[in-house]
Amino acid sequence: MITLPFPPSANRYWRNVGGVVMLSKEARVYRKLIASSLLVQGFRKEDSCKGSIWIRLAFYRPRKIGDLDNMLKQPLDAMRGILYQDDGQICEIHAKRFDDKERPRVEVDFGAFN
């Protein structure tokens, strides 16, 4: 089981700057935080899965707001390149939402299909 920080809101993930859509500063910080958290937990880019994978995510949100489907993209994109090479490898996703005001987080489990 991997524990990651809770993602920023999907509404604050992208920014339109002069007609160009780009990741917000908050999103870039979140991606770096996820990368460093995965590295601390022993995951390395060199060991990323190369085939089809399944993934389970349990979101423990700090407040009773936010749709589950909007929470998926940020951590999945942030784990790309470390747990797996590309999110196109994900063939199965299971996601659940819980509330935990004291310790918001995302718990992740994943594996390769044989």
PDB file of N, CA and C in Angstrom:
ATOM      1  N   MET A   1       0.848  -1.187   0.000  1.00  0.00           N
ATOM      2  CA  MET A   1       0.000   0.000   0.000  1.00  0.00           C
ATOM      3  C   MET A   1       0.887   1.243   0.000  1.00  0.00           C
ATOM      4  N   ILE A   2       0.563   2.164  -0.865  1.00  0.00           N
ATOM      5  CA  ILE A   2       1.292   3.426  -0.988  1.00  0.00           C
ATOM      6  C   ILE A   2       0.391   4.533  -0.437  1.00  0.00           C
ATOM      7  N   THR A   3       0.939   5.408   0.366  1.00  0.00           N
ATOM      8  CA  THR A   3       0.179   6.544   0.874  1.00  0.00           C
ATOM      9  C   THR A   3       0.745   7.818   0.269  1.00  0.00           C
ATOM     10  N   LEU A   4      -0.143   8.618  -0.316  1.00  0.00           N
ATOM     11  CA  LEU A   4       0.241   9.865  -0.982  1.00  0.00           C
ATOM     12  C   LEU A   4      -0.579  11.026  -0.436  1.00  0.00           C
ATOM     13  N   PRO A   5      -0.084  12.243  -0.621  1.00  0.00           N
ATOM     14  CA  PRO A   5      -0.861  13.420  -0.204  1.00  0.00           C
ATOM     15  C   PRO A   5      -2.152  13.546  -1.025  1.00  0.00           C
ATOM     16  N   PHE A   6      -3.155  14.144  -0.426  1.00  0.00           N
ATOM     17  CA  PHE A   6      -4.422  14.376  -1.113  1.00  0.00           C
ATOM     18  C   PHE A   6      -4.211  15.402  -2.228  1.00  0.00           C
ATOM     19  N   PRO A   7      -4.809  15.185  -3.407  1.00  0.00           N
ATOM     20  CA  PRO A   7      -4.570  16.086  -4.553  1.00  0.00           C
ATOM     21  C   PRO A   7      -5.291  17.426  -4.425  1.00  0.00           C
ATOM     22  N   PRO A   8      -4.780  18.420  -5.138  1.00  0.00           N
ATOM     23  CA  PRO A   8      -5.503  19.698  -5.212  1.00  0.00           C
ATOM     24  C   PRO A   8      -6.801  19.512  -6.008  1.00  0.00           C
ATOM     25  N   SER A   9      -7.698  20.425  -5.865  1.00  0.00           N
ATOM     26  CA  SER A   9      -8.961  20.386  -6.598  1.00  0.00           C
ATOM     27  C   SER A   9      -8.704  20.384  -8.104  1.00  0.00           C
ATOM     28  N   ALA A  10      -9.535  19.647  -8.835  1.00  0.00           N
ATOM     29  CA  ALA A  10      -9.427  19.627 -10.295  1.00  0.00           C
ATOM     30  C   ALA A  10      -9.639  21.031 -10.862  1.00  0.00           C
ATOM     31  N   ASN A  11     -10.421  21.860 -10.158  1.00  0.00           N
ATOM     32  CA  ASN A  11     -10.675  23.229 -10.617  1.00  0.00           C
ATOM     33  C   ASN A  11      -9.424  24.105 -10.540  1.00  0.00           C
ATOM     34  N   ARG A  12      -8.444  23.700  -9.736  1.00  0.00           N
ATOM     35  CA  ARG A  12      -7.226  24.498  -9.588  1.00  0.00           C
ATOM     36  C   ARG A  12      -6.020  23.827 -10.247  1.00  0.00           C
ATOM     37  N   TYR A  13      -6.260  22.768 -10.992  1.00  0.00           N
ATOM     38  CA  TYR A  13      -5.170  21.994 -11.574  1.00  0.00           C
ATOM     39  C   TYR A  13      -4.626  22.593 -12.867  1.00  0.00           C
ATOM     40  N   TRP A  14      -5.492  23.189 -13.673  1.00  0.00           N
ATOM     41  CA  TRP A  14      -5.083  23.776 -14.950  1.00  0.00           C
ATOM     42  C   TRP A  14      -5.311  25.284 -14.931  1.00  0.00           C
ATOM     43  N   ARG A  15      -4.498  26.008 -15.662  1.00  0.00           N
ATOM     44  CA  ARG A  15      -4.637  27.460 -15.786  1.00  0.00           C
ATOM     45  C   ARG A  15      -4.515  27.850 -17.253  1.00  0.00           C
ATOM     46  N   ASN A  16      -5.282  28.858 -17.643  1.00  0.00           N
ATOM     47  CA  ASN A  16      -5.216  29.402 -18.990  1.00  0.00           C
ATOM     48  C   ASN A  16      -4.420  30.700 -18.901  1.00  0.00           C
ATOM     49  N   VAL A  17      -3.244  30.700 -19.492  1.00  0.00           N
ATOM     50  CA  VAL A  17      -2.373  31.874 -19.456  1.00  0.00           C
ATOM     51  C   VAL A  17      -2.167  32.355 -20.887  1.00  0.00           C
ATOM     52  N   GLY A  18      -2.785  33.468 -21.221  1.00  0.00           N
ATOM     53  CA  GLY A  18      -2.638  34.019 -22.564  1.00  0.00           C
ATOM     54  C   GLY A  18      -3.103  33.084 -23.659  1.00  0.00           C
ATOM     55  N   GLY A  19      -4.163  32.317 -23.402  1.00  0.00           N
ATOM     56  CA  GLY A  19      -4.685  31.388 -24.396  1.00  0.00           C
ATOM     57  C   GLY A  19      -3.992  30.034 -24.407  1.00  0.00           C
ATOM     58  N   VAL A  20      -2.993  29.864 -23.539  1.00  0.00           N
ATOM     59  CA  VAL A  20      -2.291  28.582 -23.439  1.00  0.00           C
ATOM     60  C   VAL A  20      -2.692  27.902 -22.135  1.00  0.00           C
ATOM     61  N   VAL A  21      -3.174  26.670 -22.230  1.00  0.00           N
ATOM     62  CA  VAL A  21      -3.559  25.922 -21.041  1.00  0.00           C
ATOM     63  C   VAL A  21      -2.341  25.170 -20.516  1.00  0.00           C
ATOM     64  N   MET A  22      -2.064  25.373 -19.230  1.00  0.00           N
ATOM     65  CA  MET A  22      -0.896  24.729 -18.614  1.00  0.00           C
ATOM     66  C   MET A  22      -1.211  24.313 -17.187  1.00  0.00           C
ATOM     67  N   LEU A  23      -0.341  23.458 -16.654  1.00  0.00           N
ATOM     68  CA  LEU A  23      -0.494  23.061 -15.256  1.00  0.00           C
ATOM     69  C   LEU A  23      -0.323  24.274 -14.350  1.00  0.00           C
ATOM     70  N   SER A  24      -1.139  24.351 -13.325  1.00  0.00           N
ATOM     71  CA  SER A  24      -1.008  25.434 -12.359  1.00  0.00           C
ATOM     72  C   SER A  24       0.234  25.187 -11.495  1.00  0.00           C
ATOM     73  N   LYS A  25       0.655  26.214 -10.791  1.00  0.00           N
ATOM     74  CA  LYS A  25       1.788  26.066  -9.879  1.00  0.00           C
ATOM     75  C   LYS A  25       1.467  25.007  -8.825  1.00  0.00           C
ATOM     76  N   GLU A  26       0.236  25.010  -8.326  1.00  0.00           N
ATOM     77  CA  GLU A  26      -0.188  24.033  -7.332  1.00  0.00           C
ATOM     78  C   GLU A  26      -0.075  22.600  -7.884  1.00  0.00           C
ATOM     79  N   ALA A  27      -0.438  22.415  -9.142  1.00  0.00           N
ATOM     80  CA  ALA A  27      -0.343  21.093  -9.770  1.00  0.00           C
ATOM     81  C   ALA A  27       1.116  20.664  -9.932  1.00  0.00           C
ATOM     82  N   ARG A  28       1.971  21.589 -10.323  1.00  0.00           N
ATOM     83  CA  ARG A  28       3.399  21.258 -10.479  1.00  0.00           C
ATOM     84  C   ARG A  28       4.014  20.888  -9.126  1.00  0.00           C
ATOM     85  N   VAL A  29       3.654  21.616  -8.081  1.00  0.00           N
ATOM     86  CA  VAL A  29       4.139  21.307  -6.737  1.00  0.00           C
ATOM     87  C   VAL A  29       3.630  19.932  -6.304  1.00  0.00           C
ATOM     88  N   TYR A  30       2.359  19.625  -6.581  1.00  0.00           N
ATOM     89  CA  TYR A  30       1.786  18.333  -6.215  1.00  0.00           C
ATOM     90  C   TYR A  30       2.539  17.193  -6.921  1.00  0.00           C
ATOM     91  N   ARG A  31       2.816  17.351  -8.202  1.00  0.00           N
ATOM     92  CA  ARG A  31       3.538  16.306  -8.941  1.00  0.00           C
ATOM     93  C   ARG A  31       4.928  16.063  -8.357  1.00  0.00           C
ATOM     94  N   LYS A  32       5.609  17.125  -7.983  1.00  0.00           N
ATOM     95  CA  LYS A  32       6.943  16.968  -7.366  1.00  0.00           C
ATOM     96  C   LYS A  32       6.823  16.291  -6.004  1.00  0.00           C
ATOM     97  N   LEU A  33       5.787  16.646  -5.254  1.00  0.00           N
ATOM     98  CA  LEU A  33       5.550  16.045  -3.948  1.00  0.00           C
ATOM     99  C   LEU A  33       5.278  14.543  -4.082  1.00  0.00           C
ATOM    100  N   ILE A  34       4.488  14.165  -5.066  1.00  0.00           N
ATOM    101  CA  ILE A  34       4.193  12.746  -5.306  1.00  0.00           C
ATOM    102  C   ILE A  34       5.465  12.014  -5.698  1.00  0.00           C
ATOM    103  N   ALA A  35       6.239  12.589  -6.611  1.00  0.00           N
ATOM    104  CA  ALA A  35       7.483  11.944  -7.048  1.00  0.00           C
ATOM    105  C   ALA A  35       8.425  11.722  -5.872  1.00  0.00           C
ATOM    106  N   SER A  36       8.603  12.726  -5.035  1.00  0.00           N
ATOM    107  CA  SER A  36       9.516  12.573  -3.903  1.00  0.00           C
ATOM    108  C   SER A  36       8.955  11.582  -2.881  1.00  0.00           C
ATOM    109  N   SER A  37       7.644  11.592  -2.685  1.00  0.00           N
ATOM    110  CA  SER A  37       7.017  10.655  -1.757  1.00  0.00           C
ATOM    111  C   SER A  37       7.196   9.217  -2.235  1.00  0.00           C
ATOM    112  N   LEU A  38       7.038   8.973  -3.524  1.00  0.00           N
ATOM    113  CA  LEU A  38       7.229   7.625  -4.069  1.00  0.00           C
ATOM    114  C   LEU A  38       8.680   7.185  -3.959  1.00  0.00           C
ATOM    115  N   LEU A  39       9.599   8.098  -4.215  1.00  0.00           N
ATOM    116  CA  LEU A  39      11.015   7.754  -4.105  1.00  0.00           C
ATOM    117  C   LEU A  39      11.386   7.408  -2.667  1.00  0.00           C
ATOM    118  N   VAL A  40      10.847   8.160  -1.709  1.00  0.00           N
ATOM    119  CA  VAL A  40      11.095   7.881  -0.294  1.00  0.00           C
ATOM    120  C   VAL A  40      10.526   6.510   0.088  1.00  0.00           C
ATOM    121  N   GLN A  41       9.409   6.127  -0.526  1.00  0.00           N
ATOM    122  CA  GLN A  41       8.779   4.840  -0.239  1.00  0.00           C
ATOM    123  C   GLN A  41       9.424   3.689  -1.021  1.00  0.00           C
ATOM    124  N   GLY A  42      10.511   3.978  -1.743  1.00  0.00           N
ATOM    125  CA  GLY A  42      11.287   2.924  -2.387  1.00  0.00           C
ATOM    126  C   GLY A  42      10.998   2.662  -3.847  1.00  0.00           C
ATOM    127  N   PHE A  43      10.175   3.477  -4.484  1.00  0.00           N
ATOM    128  CA  PHE A  43       9.875   3.288  -5.902  1.00  0.00           C
ATOM    129  C   PHE A  43      10.858   4.087  -6.749  1.00  0.00           C
ATOM    130  N   ARG A  44      11.347   3.467  -7.822  1.00  0.00           N
ATOM    131  CA  ARG A  44      12.311   4.134  -8.701  1.00  0.00           C
ATOM    132  C   ARG A  44      11.816   4.094 -10.139  1.00  0.00           C
ATOM    133  N   LYS A  45      12.128   5.123 -10.882  1.00  0.00           N
ATOM    134  CA  LYS A  45      11.714   5.201 -12.290  1.00  0.00           C
ATOM    135  C   LYS A  45      12.177   3.985 -13.076  1.00  0.00           C
ATOM    136  N   GLU A  46      13.374   3.497 -12.757  1.00  0.00           N
ATOM    137  CA  GLU A  46      13.949   2.370 -13.485  1.00  0.00           C
ATOM    138  C   GLU A  46      13.136   1.096 -13.303  1.00  0.00           C
ATOM    139  N   ASP A  47      12.358   1.018 -12.224  1.00  0.00           N
ATOM    140  CA  ASP A  47      11.592  -0.194 -11.921  1.00  0.00           C
ATOM    141  C   ASP A  47      10.123  -0.084 -12.328  1.00  0.00           C
ATOM    142  N   SER A  48       9.743   0.970 -13.044  1.00  0.00           N
ATOM    143  CA  SER A  48       8.335   1.174 -13.375  1.00  0.00           C
ATOM    144  C   SER A  48       7.791   0.015 -14.216  1.00  0.00           C
ATOM    145  N   CYS A  49       6.500  -0.291 -14.007  1.00  0.00           N
ATOM    146  CA  CYS A  49       5.847  -1.358 -14.764  1.00  0.00           C
ATOM    147  C   CYS A  49       5.809  -0.988 -16.239  1.00  0.00           C
ATOM    148  N   LYS A  50       5.965  -1.994 -17.071  1.00  0.00           N
ATOM    149  CA  LYS A  50       5.981  -1.747 -18.510  1.00  0.00           C
ATOM    150  C   LYS A  50       4.757  -2.296 -19.227  1.00  0.00           C
ATOM    151  N   GLY A  51       4.030  -3.208 -18.589  1.00  0.00           N
ATOM    152  CA  GLY A  51       2.849  -3.802 -19.213  1.00  0.00           C
ATOM    153  C   GLY A  51       1.562  -3.229 -18.646  1.00  0.00           C
ATOM    154  N   SER A  52       0.468  -3.934 -18.898  1.00  0.00           N
ATOM    155  CA  SER A  52      -0.851  -3.518 -18.420  1.00  0.00           C
ATOM    156  C   SER A  52      -0.931  -3.649 -16.902  1.00  0.00           C
ATOM    157  N   ILE A  53      -1.593  -2.674 -16.272  1.00  0.00           N
ATOM    158  CA  ILE A  53      -1.706  -2.682 -14.812  1.00  0.00           C
ATOM    159  C   ILE A  53      -3.139  -2.418 -14.369  1.00  0.00           C
ATOM    160  N   TRP A  54      -3.422  -2.792 -13.116  1.00  0.00           N
ATOM    161  CA  TRP A  54      -4.654  -2.407 -12.424  1.00  0.00           C
ATOM    162  C   TRP A  54      -4.241  -1.494 -11.277  1.00  0.00           C
ATOM    163  N   ILE A  55      -5.162  -0.654 -10.850  1.00  0.00           N
ATOM    164  CA  ILE A  55      -4.848   0.271  -9.762  1.00  0.00           C
ATOM    165  C   ILE A  55      -6.088   0.500  -8.903  1.00  0.00           C
ATOM    166  N   ARG A  56      -5.873   0.578  -7.590  1.00  0.00           N
ATOM    167  CA  ARG A  56      -6.930   0.896  -6.634  1.00  0.00           C
ATOM    168  C   ARG A  56      -6.547   2.171  -5.905  1.00  0.00           C
ATOM    169  N   LEU A  57      -7.472   3.090  -5.799  1.00  0.00           N
ATOM    170  CA  LEU A  57      -7.223   4.340  -5.090  1.00  0.00           C
ATOM    171  C   LEU A  57      -8.319   4.563  -4.059  1.00  0.00           C
ATOM    172  N   ALA A  58      -7.928   4.891  -2.843  1.00  0.00           N
ATOM    173  CA  ALA A  58      -8.866   5.252  -1.778  1.00  0.00           C
ATOM    174  C   ALA A  58      -8.547   6.692  -1.391  1.00  0.00           C
ATOM    175  N   PHE A  59      -9.480   7.582  -1.648  1.00  0.00           N
ATOM    176  CA  PHE A  59      -9.306   9.005  -1.360  1.00  0.00           C
ATOM    177  C   PHE A  59      -9.935   9.332  -0.021  1.00  0.00           C
ATOM    178  N   TYR A  60      -9.158   9.876   0.876  1.00  0.00           N
ATOM    179  CA  TYR A  60      -9.625  10.316   2.179  1.00  0.00           C
ATOM    180  C   TYR A  60      -9.610  11.843   2.159  1.00  0.00           C
ATOM    181  N   ARG A  61     -10.747  12.412   1.860  1.00  0.00           N
ATOM    182  CA  ARG A  61     -10.820  13.864   1.646  1.00  0.00           C
ATOM    183  C   ARG A  61     -10.942  14.630   2.962  1.00  0.00           C
ATOM    184  N   PRO A  62     -10.405  15.852   2.975  1.00  0.00           N
ATOM    185  CA  PRO A  62     -10.419  16.653   4.199  1.00  0.00           C
ATOM    186  C   PRO A  62     -11.777  17.291   4.500  1.00  0.00           C
ATOM    187  N   ARG A  63     -12.602  17.470   3.452  1.00  0.00           N
ATOM    188  CA  ARG A  63     -13.927  18.067   3.622  1.00  0.00           C
ATOM    189  C   ARG A  63     -14.912  17.311   2.747  1.00  0.00           C
ATOM    190  N   LYS A  64     -16.165  17.416   3.054  1.00  0.00           N
ATOM    191  CA  LYS A  64     -17.185  16.706   2.297  1.00  0.00           C
ATOM    192  C   LYS A  64     -17.532  17.447   1.018  1.00  0.00           C
ATOM    193  N   ILE A  65     -16.519  17.705   0.218  1.00  0.00           N
ATOM    194  CA  ILE A  65     -16.731  18.298  -1.099  1.00  0.00           C
ATOM    195  C   ILE A  65     -15.809  17.593  -2.091  1.00  0.00           C
ATOM    196  N   GLY A  66     -16.169  17.653  -3.330  1.00  0.00           N
ATOM    197  CA  GLY A  66     -15.336  17.074  -4.375  1.00  0.00           C
ATOM    198  C   GLY A  66     -15.873  15.758  -4.887  1.00  0.00           C
ATOM    199  N   ASP A  67     -16.022  15.676  -6.195  1.00  0.00           N
ATOM    200  CA  ASP A  67     -16.503  14.460  -6.838  1.00  0.00           C
ATOM    201  C   ASP A  67     -15.362  13.473  -7.002  1.00  0.00           C
ATOM    202  N   LEU A  68     -15.655  12.219  -6.785  1.00  0.00           N
ATOM    203  CA  LEU A  68     -14.649  11.165  -6.884  1.00  0.00           C
ATOM    204  C   LEU A  68     -13.990  11.149  -8.267  1.00  0.00           C
ATOM    205  N   ASP A  69     -14.782  11.281  -9.322  1.00  0.00           N
ATOM    206  CA  ASP A  69     -14.195  11.219 -10.662  1.00  0.00           C
ATOM    207  C   ASP A  69     -13.218  12.364 -10.930  1.00  0.00           C
ATOM    208  N   ASN A  70     -13.397  13.497 -10.283  1.00  0.00           N
ATOM    209  CA  ASN A  70     -12.473  14.623 -10.457  1.00  0.00           C
ATOM    210  C   ASN A  70     -11.182  14.458  -9.670  1.00  0.00           C
ATOM    211  N   MET A  71     -11.146  13.505  -8.747  1.00  0.00           N
ATOM    212  CA  MET A  71      -9.948  13.286  -7.932  1.00  0.00           C
ATOM    213  C   MET A  71      -8.946  12.346  -8.603  1.00  0.00           C
ATOM    214  N   LEU A  72      -9.360  11.636  -9.627  1.00  0.00           N
ATOM    215  CA  LEU A  72      -8.521  10.596 -10.217  1.00  0.00           C
ATOM    216  C   LEU A  72      -7.314  11.105 -11.003  1.00  0.00           C
ATOM    217  N   LYS A  73      -7.505  12.081 -11.839  1.00  0.00           N
ATOM    218  CA  LYS A  73      -6.471  12.479 -12.800  1.00  0.00           C
ATOM    219  C   LYS A  73      -5.172  12.952 -12.153  1.00  0.00           C
ATOM    220  N   GLN A  74      -5.264  13.762 -11.117  1.00  0.00           N
ATOM    221  CA  GLN A  74      -4.056  14.334 -10.527  1.00  0.00           C
ATOM    222  C   GLN A  74      -3.077  13.270 -10.025  1.00  0.00           C
ATOM    223  N   PRO A  75      -3.487  12.341  -9.154  1.00  0.00           N
ATOM    224  CA  PRO A  75      -2.508  11.342  -8.702  1.00  0.00           C
ATOM    225  C   PRO A  75      -2.085  10.384  -9.809  1.00  0.00           C
ATOM    226  N   LEU A  76      -3.015  10.024 -10.714  1.00  0.00           N
ATOM    227  CA  LEU A  76      -2.636   9.118 -11.802  1.00  0.00           C
ATOM    228  C   LEU A  76      -1.566   9.750 -12.685  1.00  0.00           C
ATOM    229  N   ASP A  77      -1.733  11.005 -13.023  1.00  0.00           N
ATOM    230  CA  ASP A  77      -0.712  11.696 -13.822  1.00  0.00           C
ATOM    231  C   ASP A  77       0.595  11.848 -13.049  1.00  0.00           C
ATOM    232  N   ALA A  78       0.497  12.121 -11.757  1.00  0.00           N
ATOM    233  CA  ALA A  78       1.699  12.345 -10.941  1.00  0.00           C
ATOM    234  C   ALA A  78       2.517  11.063 -10.755  1.00  0.00           C
ATOM    235  N   MET A  79       1.855   9.908 -10.764  1.00  0.00           N
ATOM    236  CA  MET A  79       2.574   8.637 -10.586  1.00  0.00           C
ATOM    237  C   MET A  79       3.187   8.126 -11.889  1.00  0.00           C
ATOM    238  N   ARG A  80       2.735   8.695 -13.007  1.00  0.00           N
ATOM    239  CA  ARG A  80       3.246   8.295 -14.319  1.00  0.00           C
ATOM    240  C   ARG A  80       4.743   8.566 -14.395  1.00  0.00           C
ATOM    241  N   GLY A  81       5.464   7.601 -14.902  1.00  0.00           N
ATOM    242  CA  GLY A  81       6.911   7.742 -15.010  1.00  0.00           C
ATOM    243  C   GLY A  81       7.662   7.164 -13.824  1.00  0.00           C
ATOM    244  N   ILE A  82       6.926   6.820 -12.766  1.00  0.00           N
ATOM    245  CA  ILE A  82       7.571   6.206 -11.596  1.00  0.00           C
ATOM    246  C   ILE A  82       6.976   4.822 -11.341  1.00  0.00           C
ATOM    247  N   LEU A  83       5.655   4.745 -11.111  1.00  0.00           N
ATOM    248  CA  LEU A  83       5.033   3.441 -10.912  1.00  0.00           C
ATOM    249  C   LEU A  83       4.816   2.723 -12.242  1.00  0.00           C
ATOM    250  N   TYR A  84       4.476   3.488 -13.247  1.00  0.00           N
ATOM    251  CA  TYR A  84       4.249   2.952 -14.587  1.00  0.00           C
ATOM    252  C   TYR A  84       4.748   3.998 -15.574  1.00  0.00           C
ATOM    253  N   GLN A  85       4.996   3.569 -16.790  1.00  0.00           N
ATOM    254  CA  GLN A  85       5.579   4.480 -17.768  1.00  0.00           C
ATOM    255  C   GLN A  85       4.556   5.454 -18.338  1.00  0.00           C
ATOM    256  N   ASP A  86       3.308   4.964 -18.550  1.00  0.00           N
ATOM    257  CA  ASP A  86       2.285   5.814 -19.155  1.00  0.00           C
ATOM    258  C   ASP A  86       0.926   5.392 -18.620  1.00  0.00           C
ATOM    259  N   ASP A  87       0.044   6.364 -18.412  1.00  0.00           N
ATOM    260  CA  ASP A  87      -1.258   6.004 -17.864  1.00  0.00           C
ATOM    261  C   ASP A  87      -2.115   5.207 -18.847  1.00  0.00           C
ATOM    262  N   GLY A  88      -1.687   5.102 -20.100  1.00  0.00           N
ATOM    263  CA  GLY A  88      -2.360   4.236 -21.057  1.00  0.00           C
ATOM    264  C   GLY A  88      -2.213   2.762 -20.707  1.00  0.00           C
ATOM    265  N   GLN A  89      -1.303   2.440 -19.811  1.00  0.00           N
ATOM    266  CA  GLN A  89      -1.110   1.058 -19.359  1.00  0.00           C
ATOM    267  C   GLN A  89      -2.200   0.615 -18.385  1.00  0.00           C
ATOM    268  N   ILE A  90      -2.941   1.560 -17.814  1.00  0.00           N
ATOM    269  CA  ILE A  90      -3.958   1.245 -16.818  1.00  0.00           C
ATOM    270  C   ILE A  90      -5.173   0.651 -17.520  1.00  0.00           C
ATOM    271  N   CYS A  91      -5.465  -0.605 -17.207  1.00  0.00           N
ATOM    272  CA  CYS A  91      -6.599  -1.306 -17.814  1.00  0.00           C
ATOM    273  C   CYS A  91      -7.778  -1.431 -16.863  1.00  0.00           C
ATOM    274  N   GLU A  92      -7.534  -1.216 -15.584  1.00  0.00           N
ATOM    275  CA  GLU A  92      -8.594  -1.369 -14.592  1.00  0.00           C
ATOM    276  C   GLU A  92      -8.340  -0.391 -13.448  1.00  0.00           C
ATOM    277  N   ILE A  93      -9.398   0.340 -13.067  1.00  0.00           N
ATOM    278  CA  ILE A  93      -9.303   1.304 -11.959  1.00  0.00           C
ATOM    279  C   ILE A  93     -10.447   1.037 -10.977  1.00  0.00           C
ATOM    280  N   HIS A  94     -10.102   0.984  -9.704  1.00  0.00           N
ATOM    281  CA  HIS A  94     -11.093   0.914  -8.631  1.00  0.00           C
ATOM    282  C   HIS A  94     -10.833   2.128  -7.739  1.00  0.00           C
ATOM    283  N   ALA A  95     -11.869   2.892  -7.467  1.00  0.00           N
ATOM    284  CA  ALA A  95     -11.701   4.085  -6.639  1.00  0.00           C
ATOM    285  C   ALA A  95     -12.828   4.184  -5.617  1.00  0.00           C
ATOM    286  N   LYS A  96     -12.467   4.640  -4.426  1.00  0.00           N
ATOM    287  CA  LYS A  96     -13.429   4.857  -3.351  1.00  0.00           C
ATOM    288  C   LYS A  96     -13.131   6.201  -2.699  1.00  0.00           C
ATOM    289  N   ARG A  97     -14.155   6.766  -2.075  1.00  0.00           N
ATOM    290  CA  ARG A  97     -14.004   8.052  -1.394  1.00  0.00           C
ATOM    291  C   ARG A  97     -14.450   7.912   0.049  1.00  0.00           C
ATOM    292  N   PHE A  98     -13.626   8.458   0.936  1.00  0.00           N
ATOM    293  CA  PHE A  98     -13.926   8.470   2.368  1.00  0.00           C
ATOM    294  C   PHE A  98     -13.668   9.886   2.883  1.00  0.00           C
ATOM    295  N   ASP A  99     -14.012  10.136   4.114  1.00  0.00           N
ATOM    296  CA  ASP A  99     -13.737  11.428   4.741  1.00  0.00           C
ATOM    297  C   ASP A  99     -12.780  11.214   5.906  1.00  0.00           C
ATOM    298  N   ASP A 100     -11.745  12.055   5.965  1.00  0.00           N
ATOM    299  CA  ASP A 100     -10.807  12.025   7.087  1.00  0.00           C
ATOM    300  C   ASP A 100     -10.207  13.418   7.235  1.00  0.00           C
ATOM    301  N   LYS A 101     -10.878  14.225   8.002  1.00  0.00           N
ATOM    302  CA  LYS A 101     -10.472  15.616   8.207  1.00  0.00           C
ATOM    303  C   LYS A 101      -9.075  15.720   8.831  1.00  0.00           C
ATOM    304  N   GLU A 102      -8.736  14.777   9.674  1.00  0.00           N
ATOM    305  CA  GLU A 102      -7.461  14.819  10.389  1.00  0.00           C
ATOM    306  C   GLU A 102      -6.263  14.396   9.528  1.00  0.00           C
ATOM    307  N   ARG A 103      -6.492  13.495   8.579  1.00  0.00           N
ATOM    308  CA  ARG A 103      -5.369  12.979   7.793  1.00  0.00           C
ATOM    309  C   ARG A 103      -5.791  12.707   6.344  1.00  0.00           C
ATOM    310  N   PRO A 104      -6.041  13.770   5.567  1.00  0.00           N
ATOM    311  CA  PRO A 104      -6.409  13.563   4.164  1.00  0.00           C
ATOM    312  C   PRO A 104      -5.243  12.918   3.410  1.00  0.00           C
ATOM    313  N   ARG A 105      -5.586  12.004   2.497  1.00  0.00           N
ATOM    314  CA  ARG A 105      -4.541  11.263   1.790  1.00  0.00           C
ATOM    315  C   ARG A 105      -5.156  10.451   0.662  1.00  0.00           C
ATOM    316  N   VAL A 106      -4.296   9.818  -0.111  1.00  0.00           N
ATOM    317  CA  VAL A 106      -4.706   8.846  -1.114  1.00  0.00           C
ATOM    318  C   VAL A 106      -3.915   7.576  -0.836  1.00  0.00           C
ATOM    319  N   GLU A 107      -4.611   6.473  -0.693  1.00  0.00           N
ATOM    320  CA  GLU A 107      -3.950   5.187  -0.534  1.00  0.00           C
ATOM    321  C   GLU A 107      -4.053   4.450  -1.856  1.00  0.00           C
ATOM    322  N   VAL A 108      -2.920   3.943  -2.331  1.00  0.00           N
ATOM    323  CA  VAL A 108      -2.839   3.351  -3.661  1.00  0.00           C
ATOM    324  C   VAL A 108      -2.302   1.930  -3.565  1.00  0.00           C
ATOM    325  N   ASP A 109      -2.910   1.062  -4.332  1.00  0.00           N
ATOM    326  CA  ASP A 109      -2.399  -0.297  -4.508  1.00  0.00           C
ATOM    327  C   ASP A 109      -2.461  -0.550  -6.014  1.00  0.00           C
ATOM    328  N   PHE A 110      -1.495  -1.266  -6.549  1.00  0.00           N
ATOM    329  CA  PHE A 110      -1.493  -1.531  -7.990  1.00  0.00           C
ATOM    330  C   PHE A 110      -0.745  -2.821  -8.256  1.00  0.00           C
ATOM    331  N   GLY A 111      -0.931  -3.334  -9.435  1.00  0.00           N
ATOM    332  CA  GLY A 111      -0.229  -4.547  -9.828  1.00  0.00           C
ATOM    333  C   GLY A 111      -0.286  -4.745 -11.320  1.00  0.00           C
ATOM    334  N   ALA A 112       0.555  -5.618 -11.794  1.00  0.00           N
ATOM    335  CA  ALA A 112       0.636  -5.915 -13.219  1.00  0.00           C
ATOM    336  C   ALA A 112      -0.265  -7.101 -13.552  1.00  0.00           C
ATOM    337  N   PHE A 113      -0.851  -7.082 -14.729  1.00  0.00           N
ATOM    338  CA  PHE A 113      -1.572  -8.238 -15.235  1.00  0.00           C
ATOM    339  C   PHE A 113      -0.546  -9.195 -15.803  1.00  0.00           C
ATOM    340  N   ASN A 114      -0.724 -10.461 -15.582  1.00  0.00           N
ATOM    341  CA  ASN A 114       0.214 -11.457 -16.121  1.00  0.00           C
ATOM    342  C   ASN A 114      -0.219 -11.950 -17.471  1.00  0.00           C
TER     343      ASN A 114
END
